[in-house]
C-alpha atoms as a PDB file:
ATOM      1  CA  UNK A   1     -34.331  -2.388   6.241  1.00  0.00           C
ATOM      2  CA  UNK A   2     -32.593   0.272   8.591  1.00  0.00           C
ATOM      3  CA  UNK A   3     -31.127   2.315   6.198  1.00  0.00           C
ATOM      4  CA  UNK A   4     -34.481   2.932   4.594  1.00  0.00           C
ATOM      5  CA  UNK A   5     -36.481   3.262   7.974  1.00  0.00           C
ATOM      6  CA  UNK A   6     -33.723   6.641   8.961  1.00  0.00           C
ATOM      7  CA  UNK A   7     -34.333   8.007   5.625  1.00  0.00           C
ATOM      8  CA  UNK A   8     -33.717  11.221   5.178  1.00  0.00           C
ATOM      9  CA  UNK A   9     -30.798  10.731   7.515  1.00  0.00           C
ATOM     10  CA  UNK A  10     -27.695   8.697   7.290  1.00  0.00           C
ATOM     11  CA  UNK A  11     -28.529   5.265   9.411  1.00  0.00           C
ATOM     12  CA  UNK A  12     -25.465   3.022  11.157  1.00  0.00           C
ATOM     13  CA  UNK A  13     -24.940   0.597  12.759  1.00  0.00           C
ATOM     14  CA  UNK A  14     -21.827  -1.315  14.712  1.00  0.00           C
ATOM     15  CA  UNK A  15     -21.043  -5.120  12.725  1.00  0.00           C
ATOM     16  CA  UNK A  16     -20.138  -7.736  14.779  1.00  0.00           C
ATOM     17  CA  UNK A  17     -18.535 -10.987  13.174  1.00  0.00           C
ATOM     18  CA  UNK A  18     -15.625 -13.524  13.352  1.00  0.00           C
ATOM     19  CA  UNK A  19     -12.082 -12.767  11.171  1.00  0.00           C
ATOM     20  CA  UNK A  20     -10.967 -16.135   9.402  1.00  0.00           C
ATOM     21  CA  UNK A  21      -8.707 -16.325   6.739  1.00  0.00           C
ATOM     22  CA  UNK A  22      -8.882 -12.805   6.246  1.00  0.00           C
ATOM     23  CA  UNK A  23     -12.560 -12.751   5.627  1.00  0.00           C
ATOM     24  CA  UNK A  24     -15.021 -10.570   8.183  1.00  0.00           C
ATOM     25  CA  UNK A  25     -17.565 -13.057   8.602  1.00  0.00           C
ATOM     26  CA  UNK A  26     -20.560 -10.459   9.757  1.00  0.00           C
ATOM     27  CA  UNK A  27     -22.773 -12.230  12.388  1.00  0.00           C
ATOM     28  CA  UNK A  28     -24.568  -9.589  14.383  1.00  0.00           C
ATOM     29  CA  UNK A  29     -25.176  -6.012  13.328  1.00  0.00           C
ATOM     30  CA  UNK A  30     -26.146  -3.728  16.479  1.00  0.00           C
ATOM     31  CA  UNK A  31     -27.929  -0.999  15.010  1.00  0.00           C
ATOM     32  CA  UNK A  32     -27.621   2.467  16.225  1.00  0.00           C
ATOM     33  CA  UNK A  33     -28.785   5.725  16.507  1.00  0.00           C
ATOM     34  CA  UNK A  34     -27.296   8.984  13.936  1.00  0.00           C
ATOM     35  CA  UNK A  35     -27.464  11.278  17.013  1.00  0.00           C
ATOM     36  CA  UNK A  36     -26.742  13.949  14.432  1.00  0.00           C
ATOM     37  CA  UNK A  37     -29.799  13.423  12.034  1.00  0.00           C
ATOM     38  CA  UNK A  38     -27.982  14.257   9.034  1.00  0.00           C
ATOM     39  CA  UNK A  39     -28.433  13.108   5.657  1.00  0.00           C
ATOM     40  CA  UNK A  40     -24.823  13.691   4.770  1.00  0.00           C
ATOM     41  CA  UNK A  41     -23.264  12.817   8.135  1.00  0.00           C
ATOM     42  CA  UNK A  42     -23.984  10.353  11.267  1.00  0.00           C
ATOM     43  CA  UNK A  43     -22.291  10.196  14.207  1.00  0.00           C
ATOM     44  CA  UNK A  44     -22.941   7.128  17.128  1.00  0.00           C
ATOM     45  CA  UNK A  45     -22.851   7.779  20.559  1.00  0.00           C
ATOM     46  CA  UNK A  46     -20.196   7.306  23.275  1.00  0.00           C
ATOM     47  CA  UNK A  47     -22.558   5.191  25.362  1.00  0.00           C
ATOM     48  CA  UNK A  48     -23.590   3.091  22.204  1.00  0.00           C
ATOM     49  CA  UNK A  49     -20.175   2.265  21.105  1.00  0.00           C
ATOM     50  CA  UNK A  50     -19.436   0.957  24.411  1.00  0.00           C
ATOM     51  CA  UNK A  51     -22.513  -0.702  24.792  1.00  0.00           C
ATOM     52  CA  UNK A  52     -21.506  -2.358  21.259  1.00  0.00           C
ATOM     53  CA  UNK A  53     -18.148  -3.693  22.470  1.00  0.00           C
ATOM     54  CA  UNK A  54     -19.676  -4.903  25.878  1.00  0.00           C
ATOM     55  CA  UNK A  55     -21.970  -6.542  23.741  1.00  0.00           C
ATOM     56  CA  UNK A  56     -19.716  -8.108  21.202  1.00  0.00           C
ATOM     57  CA  UNK A  57     -16.930  -9.027  23.940  1.00  0.00           C
ATOM     58  CA  UNK A  58     -20.408 -10.774  25.681  1.00  0.00           C
ATOM     59  CA  UNK A  59     -21.373 -13.022  22.297  1.00  0.00           C
ATOM     60  CA  UNK A  60     -17.667 -13.546  21.937  1.00  0.00           C
ATOM     61  CA  UNK A  61     -17.150 -12.035  18.636  1.00  0.00           C
ATOM     62  CA  UNK A  62     -15.175  -9.338  17.502  1.00  0.00           C
ATOM     63  CA  UNK A  63     -16.608  -5.552  16.152  1.00  0.00           C
ATOM     64  CA  UNK A  64     -15.300  -5.878  12.374  1.00  0.00           C
ATOM     65  CA  UNK A  65     -16.994  -3.452  10.521  1.00  0.00           C
ATOM     66  CA  UNK A  66     -18.916  -0.065  10.844  1.00  0.00           C
ATOM     67  CA  UNK A  67     -22.253   0.319   8.631  1.00  0.00           C
ATOM     68  CA  UNK A  68     -23.873   3.802   7.564  1.00  0.00           C
ATOM     69  CA  UNK A  69     -25.822   4.768   4.499  1.00  0.00           C
ATOM     70  CA  UNK A  70     -25.297   7.577   1.869  1.00  0.00           C
ATOM     71  CA  UNK A  71     -29.459   8.279   1.445  1.00  0.00           C
ATOM     72  CA  UNK A  72     -28.428  10.459  -1.925  1.00  0.00           C
ATOM     73  CA  UNK A  73     -25.653   9.153  -3.231  1.00  0.00           C
ATOM     74  CA  UNK A  74     -23.128   6.616  -4.123  1.00  0.00           C
ATOM     75  CA  UNK A  75     -21.695   3.777  -1.712  1.00  0.00           C
ATOM     76  CA  UNK A  76     -18.261   5.613  -1.515  1.00  0.00           C
ATOM     77  CA  UNK A  77     -16.516   6.884   1.700  1.00  0.00           C
ATOM     78  CA  UNK A  78     -16.601  10.677   1.990  1.00  0.00           C
ATOM     79  CA  UNK A  79     -13.937  12.957   2.810  1.00  0.00           C
ATOM     80  CA  UNK A  80     -15.420  12.634   6.636  1.00  0.00           C
ATOM     81  CA  UNK A  81     -15.771   8.776   6.083  1.00  0.00           C
ATOM     82  CA  UNK A  82     -11.947   8.523   4.861  1.00  0.00           C
ATOM     83  CA  UNK A  83     -10.881  10.887   7.978  1.00  0.00           C
ATOM     84  CA  UNK A  84     -12.514   8.210  10.304  1.00  0.00           C
ATOM     85  CA  UNK A  85     -11.861   5.336   8.699  1.00  0.00           C
ATOM     86  CA  UNK A  86      -8.098   5.883   8.998  1.00  0.00           C
ATOM     87  CA  UNK A  87      -8.823   5.860  13.350  1.00  0.00           C
ATOM     88  CA  UNK A  88     -11.243   2.748  12.808  1.00  0.00           C
ATOM     89  CA  UNK A  89      -9.531   0.370  11.084  1.00  0.00           C
ATOM     90  CA  UNK A  90     -12.189  -1.953  10.116  1.00  0.00           C
ATOM     91  CA  UNK A  91     -14.682  -2.465   7.515  1.00  0.00           C
ATOM     92  CA  UNK A  92     -16.451  -0.112   6.096  1.00  0.00           C
ATOM     93  CA  UNK A  93     -20.110  -1.063   4.606  1.00  0.00           C
ATOM     94  CA  UNK A  94     -22.158   1.973   3.160  1.00  0.00           C
ATOM     95  CA  UNK A  95     -25.608   1.484   1.315  1.00  0.00           C
ATOM     96  CA  UNK A  96     -26.293   4.203  -1.444  1.00  0.00           C
ATOM     97  CA  UNK A  97     -30.135   4.874  -0.940  1.00  0.00           C
ATOM     98  CA  UNK A  98     -30.324   6.047  -4.602  1.00  0.00           C
ATOM     99  CA  UNK A  99     -28.977   2.754  -6.600  1.00  0.00           C
ATOM    100  CA  UNK A 100     -29.832   0.649  -3.435  1.00  0.00           C
ATOM    101  CA  UNK A 101     -26.449  -1.219  -3.054  1.00  0.00           C
ATOM    102  CA  UNK A 102     -23.871  -2.359  -0.263  1.00  0.00           C
ATOM    103  CA  UNK A 103     -20.180  -1.526  -0.909  1.00  0.00           C
ATOM    104  CA  UNK A 104     -17.414  -2.062   1.324  1.00  0.00           C
ATOM    105  CA  UNK A 105     -13.910  -0.854   1.803  1.00  0.00           C
ATOM    106  CA  UNK A 106     -10.913  -0.484   4.095  1.00  0.00           C
ATOM    107  CA  UNK A 107      -8.320   2.084   4.516  1.00  0.00           C
ATOM    108  CA  UNK A 108      -4.403   0.786   4.121  1.00  0.00           C
ATOM    109  CA  UNK A 109      -2.728   3.484   1.798  1.00  0.00           C
ATOM    110  CA  UNK A 110      -5.505   4.295  -0.139  1.00  0.00           C
ATOM    111  CA  UNK A 111      -9.287   3.360   0.036  1.00  0.00           C
ATOM    112  CA  UNK A 112      -9.612  -0.447  -0.885  1.00  0.00           C
ATOM    113  CA  UNK A 113     -13.125  -1.861  -2.100  1.00  0.00           C
ATOM    114  CA  UNK A 114     -13.581  -4.960  -0.616  1.00  0.00           C
ATOM    115  CA  UNK A 115     -15.944  -7.954  -2.309  1.00  0.00           C
ATOM    116  CA  UNK A 116     -19.235  -8.513  -0.016  1.00  0.00           C
ATOM    117  CA  UNK A 117     -20.535 -11.905  -0.381  1.00  0.00           C
ATOM    118  CA  UNK A 118     -24.516 -12.395   1.029  1.00  0.00           C
ATOM    119  CA  UNK A 119     -24.832 -16.283   2.539  1.00  0.00           C
END
């Protein structure tokens, strides 16, 4: 898995899919590089962001989420995550390296956890 391979740093990816009945359905994962190479922060390069949006458009999919890992903490948005969630209003999926669990969140007036269903 991408998150385990990137340890000790945070891993990150862009999630492509569709929205149906207010549900985000992830169809593909576009793995990206954390250019910060940090265990507590991640940044996706502008080049990879542009590439991901072009690829999603070619595949007739939407960017429905952002994934990243917290290698040494819980799967809950950090204060920096919250800041970027406000400007990137998609589902944020976080993987906890210490609990081996995925959780997902959206930012409305506050951080709201939403259920994940693996099909």
